[in-house]
Protein backbone atom coordinates (compact mmCIF):
# COMPACT_ATOMS: atom_id res chain seq x y z
CA MET A 1 -61.30 178.68 -73.71
CA ARG A 2 -57.93 179.88 -73.50
CA ASN A 3 -55.61 181.70 -72.03
CA ILE A 4 -52.76 183.04 -74.37
CA CYS A 5 -50.23 185.24 -73.01
CA MET A 6 -47.62 186.95 -75.33
CA LYS A 7 -44.72 189.40 -75.51
CA VAL A 8 -44.23 192.15 -78.19
CA SER A 9 -41.98 194.22 -79.16
CA TYR A 10 -42.70 197.67 -81.22
CA ASP A 11 -41.47 200.98 -82.68
CA GLY A 12 -43.73 203.22 -81.36
CA THR A 13 -43.12 206.28 -83.98
CA ASN A 14 -46.29 205.98 -86.29
CA TYR A 15 -48.77 204.98 -83.56
CA SER A 16 -50.71 206.39 -81.18
CA GLY A 17 -49.37 204.67 -77.90
CA PHE A 18 -50.60 200.92 -77.17
CA GLN A 19 -54.31 201.56 -75.75
CA THR A 20 -57.00 201.24 -78.55
CA GLN A 21 -57.82 204.50 -80.16
CA PRO A 22 -60.79 206.01 -82.24
CA ASP A 23 -58.74 206.27 -85.03
CA GLY A 24 -57.72 202.38 -84.76
CA ASN A 25 -53.72 203.48 -84.96
CA ALA A 26 -53.04 201.70 -81.44
CA ILE A 27 -50.50 198.86 -81.58
CA GLN A 28 -53.62 197.16 -79.57
CA ASP A 29 -55.79 197.31 -82.90
CA TYR A 30 -53.23 195.97 -85.08
CA LEU A 31 -52.80 193.25 -82.94
CA GLU A 32 -56.75 192.33 -82.40
CA LYS A 33 -56.76 192.62 -86.21
CA ALA A 34 -54.28 190.30 -87.08
CA ILE A 35 -55.48 188.04 -84.51
CA LYS A 36 -59.36 188.22 -85.74
CA LEU A 37 -57.52 187.48 -89.36
CA LEU A 38 -55.90 184.28 -88.24
CA THR A 39 -58.58 183.00 -86.31
CA GLY A 40 -61.77 184.42 -86.95
CA GLU A 41 -62.46 186.11 -83.43
CA GLN A 42 -62.84 189.12 -82.50
CA VAL A 43 -61.14 189.11 -79.01
CA LYS A 44 -60.14 191.97 -76.46
CA ILE A 45 -56.48 191.71 -75.64
CA HIS A 46 -54.90 193.13 -72.11
CA ALA A 47 -51.84 194.20 -71.42
CA SER A 48 -49.78 194.73 -68.84
CA GLY A 49 -49.93 198.70 -69.16
CA ARG A 50 -50.38 200.97 -72.17
CA THR A 51 -47.59 203.60 -73.33
CA ASP A 52 -48.06 206.67 -74.82
CA ALA A 53 -47.77 207.75 -78.52
CA GLY A 54 -44.22 207.58 -79.56
CA VAL A 55 -43.53 204.86 -77.04
CA HIS A 56 -41.68 201.82 -78.06
CA ALA A 57 -41.84 198.47 -76.34
CA ILE A 58 -39.07 195.40 -76.16
CA GLY A 59 -41.08 193.30 -73.11
CA GLN A 60 -44.69 194.92 -73.76
CA VAL A 61 -47.15 191.90 -72.57
CA PHE A 62 -50.59 191.39 -73.09
CA HIS A 63 -52.98 188.20 -73.04
CA PHE A 64 -56.26 187.32 -74.70
CA HIS A 65 -58.88 184.25 -74.75
CA THR A 66 -59.71 182.21 -77.56
CA ALA A 67 -61.20 179.23 -78.54
CA SER A 68 -58.85 178.66 -81.23
CA GLN A 69 -56.84 175.22 -81.11
CA ILE A 70 -54.02 176.41 -82.91
CA PRO A 71 -50.50 175.32 -81.46
CA VAL A 72 -48.93 177.87 -78.62
CA GLU A 73 -45.75 177.07 -80.56
CA ARG A 74 -47.18 178.56 -84.05
CA TRP A 75 -48.75 182.13 -82.81
CA CYS A 76 -45.94 184.08 -83.35
CA LEU A 77 -45.01 183.49 -86.88
CA ALA A 78 -48.97 183.32 -88.07
CA LEU A 79 -49.17 186.71 -86.16
CA ASN A 80 -45.83 188.69 -87.11
CA SER A 81 -46.86 187.91 -91.03
CA ARG A 82 -49.87 189.83 -90.53
CA LEU A 83 -48.51 192.67 -88.70
CA PRO A 84 -46.82 195.61 -89.93
CA LYS A 85 -42.74 195.12 -89.99
CA ASP A 86 -42.74 197.77 -86.63
CA ILE A 87 -44.43 195.36 -84.65
CA LEU A 88 -43.21 191.47 -83.58
CA VAL A 89 -44.85 189.30 -81.00
CA THR A 90 -41.40 187.59 -79.76
CA GLU A 91 -43.57 185.39 -76.98
CA ALA A 92 -46.01 183.21 -76.93
CA ARG A 93 -47.62 180.68 -74.07
CA GLU A 94 -50.57 178.96 -72.51
CA VAL A 95 -51.30 180.18 -68.93
CA SER A 96 -54.17 179.42 -66.23
CA LEU A 97 -57.81 181.21 -67.02
CA ASP A 98 -57.24 183.76 -63.95
CA PHE A 99 -53.50 184.90 -65.39
CA HIS A 100 -53.95 189.33 -66.39
CA SER A 101 -50.70 190.69 -67.22
CA ARG A 102 -52.06 193.83 -65.78
CA ARG A 103 -53.40 192.48 -62.73
CA ASN A 104 -50.67 190.40 -62.37
CA ALA A 105 -47.27 192.13 -62.78
CA LYS A 106 -45.08 192.46 -59.93
CA ARG A 107 -42.35 195.12 -61.48
CA LYS A 108 -42.34 196.86 -64.27
CA THR A 109 -38.95 198.27 -65.68
CA TYR A 110 -38.69 201.54 -68.33
CA ARG A 111 -35.37 202.83 -69.77
CA TYR A 112 -35.22 206.39 -71.48
CA THR A 113 -32.23 206.67 -73.33
CA ILE A 114 -30.17 209.82 -74.04
CA ASN A 115 -27.81 210.70 -76.94
CA ALA A 116 -25.51 212.82 -75.62
CA ASN A 117 -23.21 212.69 -78.69
CA GLN A 118 -22.31 216.14 -80.72
CA TYR A 119 -24.63 214.44 -83.72
CA PRO A 120 -27.64 212.38 -83.47
CA ASP A 121 -27.68 208.69 -84.64
CA LEU A 122 -29.12 208.74 -87.70
CA PHE A 123 -30.23 204.98 -87.77
CA ARG A 124 -31.54 205.33 -84.33
CA ARG A 125 -33.13 208.91 -84.14
CA ASN A 126 -36.91 207.53 -83.42
CA THR A 127 -35.62 206.02 -80.15
CA GLU A 128 -33.27 208.50 -78.40
CA LEU A 129 -33.09 211.48 -77.24
CA HIS A 130 -30.48 213.73 -78.91
CA HIS A 131 -28.89 215.82 -76.56
CA PRO A 132 -25.41 217.13 -77.32
CA GLY A 133 -24.08 219.39 -74.65
CA LYS A 134 -22.22 218.40 -71.59
CA LEU A 135 -24.34 216.74 -68.90
CA ASP A 136 -22.97 215.85 -65.18
CA VAL A 137 -23.80 212.29 -65.32
CA GLU A 138 -22.94 211.97 -61.75
CA ALA A 139 -25.08 214.41 -60.54
CA MET A 140 -27.90 213.07 -62.51
CA SER A 141 -27.42 209.70 -61.01
CA GLU A 142 -27.22 210.82 -57.85
CA GLY A 143 -30.27 213.16 -58.05
CA LEU A 144 -32.05 209.48 -59.32
CA LYS A 145 -31.25 207.95 -56.05
CA HIS A 146 -33.76 210.03 -53.98
CA LEU A 147 -36.18 208.23 -56.01
CA ILE A 148 -36.00 204.64 -54.78
CA GLY A 149 -38.44 203.60 -52.03
CA THR A 150 -42.14 204.45 -51.49
CA HIS A 151 -43.24 207.78 -52.37
CA ASP A 152 -46.61 209.80 -53.38
CA PHE A 153 -45.04 210.45 -57.06
CA THR A 154 -47.29 213.81 -57.58
CA SER A 155 -44.71 215.61 -58.54
CA PHE A 156 -43.87 213.34 -61.52
CA ALA A 157 -47.41 212.75 -62.28
CA SER A 158 -49.25 214.14 -65.47
CA ARG A 159 -51.71 217.01 -64.17
CA HIS A 160 -54.31 214.99 -66.27
CA SER A 161 -53.70 211.91 -64.09
CA THR A 162 -56.84 210.22 -63.09
CA LYS A 163 -55.01 207.52 -60.41
CA PRO A 164 -57.12 207.96 -57.15
CA SER A 165 -53.52 207.23 -55.25
CA HIS A 166 -50.24 208.66 -56.82
CA VAL A 167 -47.97 206.38 -54.42
CA ARG A 168 -45.90 203.61 -56.13
CA THR A 169 -42.95 201.66 -54.86
CA VAL A 170 -39.39 202.85 -57.01
CA TYR A 171 -37.16 199.58 -56.41
CA ASP A 172 -34.28 199.77 -58.73
CA ALA A 173 -33.36 203.63 -60.43
CA HIS A 174 -29.66 203.65 -62.07
CA ILE A 175 -27.95 205.02 -65.30
CA GLU A 176 -25.87 202.78 -67.49
CA ARG A 177 -23.52 204.64 -70.45
CA ASP A 178 -22.43 203.12 -73.46
CA GLN A 179 -19.58 205.00 -74.69
CA SER A 180 -18.99 202.84 -77.70
CA MET A 181 -19.85 205.26 -80.24
CA CYS A 182 -17.82 208.07 -78.96
CA ARG A 183 -15.28 209.51 -81.47
CA PRO A 184 -11.55 210.44 -80.44
CA GLY A 185 -10.93 213.88 -79.85
CA THR A 186 -14.47 214.69 -78.78
CA ARG A 187 -16.98 215.64 -76.39
CA ASP A 188 -19.02 213.33 -77.22
CA GLN A 189 -20.16 211.37 -73.58
CA GLY A 190 -22.33 208.83 -75.38
CA LEU A 191 -25.35 207.09 -74.50
CA ILE A 192 -26.90 207.41 -71.26
CA HIS A 193 -29.36 204.95 -70.45
CA VAL A 194 -31.86 205.38 -67.36
CA TYR A 195 -33.24 202.42 -65.85
CA ILE A 196 -36.79 202.42 -63.53
CA THR A 197 -37.84 200.01 -61.80
CA GLY A 198 -41.24 199.86 -59.89
CA ASN A 199 -44.62 198.03 -58.73
CA GLY A 200 -46.49 200.38 -61.26
CA PHE A 201 -46.09 203.94 -63.28
CA LEU A 202 -48.21 207.07 -63.78
CA GLN A 203 -49.09 209.26 -66.95
CA HIS A 204 -45.58 210.67 -68.11
CA MET A 205 -43.91 209.54 -64.69
CA VAL A 206 -40.55 208.46 -66.16
CA ARG A 207 -40.37 211.18 -69.02
CA ILE A 208 -41.05 214.08 -66.25
CA ILE A 209 -38.20 212.00 -63.61
CA VAL A 210 -35.98 212.41 -67.06
CA GLY A 211 -37.03 215.92 -67.73
CA THR A 212 -36.11 217.18 -63.95
CA LEU A 213 -32.92 214.60 -64.43
CA LEU A 214 -31.55 216.88 -67.04
CA GLU A 215 -32.28 219.65 -65.74
CA VAL A 216 -29.79 218.33 -62.84
CA GLY A 217 -27.66 217.13 -65.57
CA LYS A 218 -27.16 220.73 -66.89
CA GLY A 219 -26.59 222.13 -63.53
CA ARG A 220 -29.52 224.15 -62.83
CA ARG A 221 -30.73 222.18 -60.37
CA ARG A 222 -29.24 220.12 -57.72
CA PRO A 223 -28.97 216.24 -57.26
CA GLU A 224 -30.72 216.61 -53.52
CA ASP A 225 -33.58 218.89 -55.35
CA ILE A 226 -34.78 215.40 -56.36
CA ALA A 227 -35.91 215.00 -52.42
CA SER A 228 -37.17 218.64 -52.12
CA ILE A 229 -39.14 217.87 -55.58
CA LEU A 230 -41.11 214.71 -54.66
CA LYS A 231 -41.92 216.11 -50.78
CA ALA A 232 -44.15 218.75 -52.59
CA LYS A 233 -46.26 216.69 -54.36
CA ASP A 234 -47.05 219.24 -56.71
CA ARG A 235 -46.33 219.37 -60.59
CA MET A 236 -44.95 222.14 -61.24
CA LYS A 237 -41.69 221.75 -58.93
CA ALA A 238 -40.56 218.97 -61.09
CA GLY A 239 -38.87 219.73 -64.58
CA PRO A 240 -40.29 219.44 -68.41
CA THR A 241 -41.42 216.46 -69.99
CA ALA A 242 -39.12 214.80 -71.66
CA GLU A 243 -39.48 213.56 -75.28
CA SER A 244 -41.62 210.17 -76.06
CA LYS A 245 -39.02 208.86 -78.39
CA GLY A 246 -36.26 208.25 -75.95
CA LEU A 247 -38.67 206.01 -74.16
CA MET A 248 -39.27 202.14 -73.70
CA LEU A 249 -40.94 199.85 -71.82
CA TRP A 250 -38.24 197.68 -70.73
CA ASN A 251 -39.39 194.72 -69.30
CA VAL A 252 -42.51 193.05 -66.83
CA GLU A 253 -42.23 190.53 -64.02
CA TYR A 254 -44.35 187.98 -62.47
CA GLU A 255 -44.31 185.42 -59.95
CA ASN A 256 -43.48 181.97 -60.80
CA PHE A 257 -43.59 183.45 -64.55
CA ASP A 258 -40.49 183.07 -66.73
């Protein structure tokens, strides 16, 4: 048997999330169907983590065991010809049989994109949250700093979370702005990219963080309120859950693994 590890990008707009679903419309379902069409094997793939319905990825990692002897350099093209156009395998490599995409992951980075221009971007409307109102981006950046470190993130987890512990470590959290599409003489604020890197994430964690940051940006909360919300360990103290479409799994990092 061989253990094949792959990286996949996808536009999650029309899917039920990554993890297989009864309706057969998850990213995992389509990947497993493509592998079966290619090899004749019914495999089960294991990803670095699940993403919710409507969430996208540019760096999702998954692995599977196969008896196929297809050269590793041929896998991407072969699978992509059997996948929908909004799912794209970009890398493939053979790894040790004990490698596991989720258990061996050390750091994950998510990016959430807010389009703060007056008008939405017609061509990227499915991957950005449009918010035309004025936002205090500096206050949002200040609020993010309170999340860095090891904390109990119960306040920023879905009430439906089944994880035994809500303690996670956030290594980095920052905002990058892209004002290249701002129109002169307008109140356009450009794209606001929120990047959060951690050792793991709870259900809806990044989206609740962003929903709370938007309240900071609107002046409804202060940046230091983020620290108080963390300490409360109460979902009711945080802001709303931001829409899924602005969220993207950006990168997954492993030790001794490029």
